[in-house]
Amino acid sequence: MRIRLSRSGGLLGMPRRADADTTGRPDGAELERLVQQVLAEPDARFPAGPGVPDAYHYTLTVDDQPPVEFTDPGLSECQLQLVERLLGDGA
């Protein structure tokens, strides 16, 4: 499975991106599980309310599927785990 996660926004506006191929990775099965759970979640692209200034915006692309978008704050536990695994702690 090919996974691309990009982050934009934030106070400094510094984009970050991670590309991962789960084939042969020691954590490949866990990444695939997290991705499948994130893809199965309801659409979180447009959170209720006016939003938070300087919030992080994430775009997840898996293989050739259409991208899924979500915004922090308000990440689900699966989204948070995926972000931490791919972009690192404090991402």
Protein backbone atom coordinates (compact mmCIF):
# COMPACT_ATOMS: atom_id res chain seq x y z
CA MET A 1 0.00 0.00 0.00
CA ARG A 2 1.36 3.44 -0.93
CA ILE A 3 0.52 6.15 1.57
CA ARG A 4 1.09 9.89 1.25
CA LEU A 5 0.28 12.21 4.12
CA SER A 6 0.79 15.95 3.80
CA ARG A 7 0.29 18.64 6.40
CA SER A 8 -0.26 22.33 5.72
CA GLY A 9 -1.22 25.29 7.85
CA GLY A 10 -0.04 25.87 11.36
CA LEU A 11 1.44 29.00 12.88
CA LEU A 12 4.50 29.06 10.60
CA GLY A 13 2.79 27.53 7.58
CA MET A 14 5.61 25.03 7.08
CA PRO A 15 4.29 22.10 5.03
CA ARG A 16 5.41 18.56 5.81
CA ARG A 17 4.96 15.40 3.80
CA ALA A 18 5.56 11.70 4.28
CA ASP A 19 5.47 9.00 1.63
CA ALA A 20 5.40 5.38 2.75
CA ASP A 21 5.13 2.01 1.08
CA THR A 22 3.95 -0.58 3.60
CA THR A 23 5.58 -3.43 1.67
CA GLY A 24 8.48 -4.74 3.70
CA ARG A 25 8.09 -2.26 6.56
CA PRO A 26 8.14 -3.80 10.03
CA ASP A 27 5.11 -1.65 10.94
CA GLY A 28 3.42 -2.12 7.55
CA ALA A 29 0.46 -4.12 8.83
CA GLU A 30 -0.20 -1.58 11.60
CA LEU A 31 -0.02 1.33 9.13
CA GLU A 32 -2.46 -0.44 6.82
CA ARG A 33 -4.84 -1.06 9.75
CA LEU A 34 -4.73 2.62 10.76
CA VAL A 35 -5.25 3.78 7.18
CA GLN A 36 -8.26 1.50 6.72
CA GLN A 37 -9.79 2.83 9.94
CA VAL A 38 -9.21 6.45 8.90
CA LEU A 39 -10.75 5.79 5.48
CA ALA A 40 -13.80 4.20 7.13
CA GLU A 41 -14.44 7.22 9.38
CA PRO A 42 -17.07 9.82 8.50
CA ASP A 43 -15.91 12.72 6.36
CA ALA A 44 -14.15 15.20 8.65
CA ARG A 45 -13.09 17.76 6.04
CA PHE A 46 -15.41 20.46 7.25
CA PRO A 47 -15.54 20.63 11.05
CA ALA A 48 -18.49 22.39 12.65
CA GLY A 49 -18.01 25.99 13.67
CA PRO A 50 -15.72 28.74 12.44
CA GLY A 51 -12.54 26.67 12.78
CA VAL A 52 -9.32 27.41 14.58
CA PRO A 53 -6.82 29.95 13.26
CA ASP A 54 -3.55 28.37 12.15
CA ALA A 55 -4.95 24.83 12.41
CA TYR A 56 -3.10 21.98 10.73
CA HIS A 57 -4.78 20.57 7.65
CA TYR A 58 -3.95 17.00 6.56
CA THR A 59 -4.43 15.31 3.20
CA LEU A 60 -4.16 11.51 3.07
CA THR A 61 -3.80 9.74 -0.27
CA VAL A 62 -3.75 5.95 -0.42
CA ASP A 63 -2.72 4.21 -3.64
CA ASP A 64 -4.86 5.73 -6.41
CA GLN A 65 -7.90 6.53 -4.26
CA PRO A 66 -9.26 10.08 -3.96
CA PRO A 67 -7.62 12.02 -1.10
CA VAL A 68 -9.18 12.23 2.34
CA GLU A 69 -8.81 15.47 4.29
CA PHE A 70 -9.01 16.21 8.00
CA THR A 71 -8.15 19.11 10.28
CA ASP A 72 -6.68 19.45 13.74
CA PRO A 73 -7.98 20.02 16.37
CA GLY A 74 -10.53 17.28 16.41
CA LEU A 75 -8.46 14.42 15.00
CA SER A 76 -9.82 10.98 15.76
CA GLU A 77 -7.56 8.61 17.67
CA CYS A 78 -6.74 6.73 14.44
CA GLN A 79 -5.94 9.95 12.57
CA LEU A 80 -3.68 11.08 15.40
CA GLN A 81 -1.83 7.76 15.50
CA LEU A 82 -1.34 7.82 11.73
CA VAL A 83 -0.02 11.39 11.82
CA GLU A 84 2.39 10.54 14.64
CA ARG A 85 3.67 7.41 12.88
CA LEU A 86 4.21 9.09 9.52
CA LEU A 87 5.20 12.63 10.46
CA GLY A 88 6.69 11.94 13.89
CA ASP A 89 5.90 13.06 17.40
CA GLY A 90 4.89 16.66 17.70
CA ALA A 91 3.90 16.69 14.04
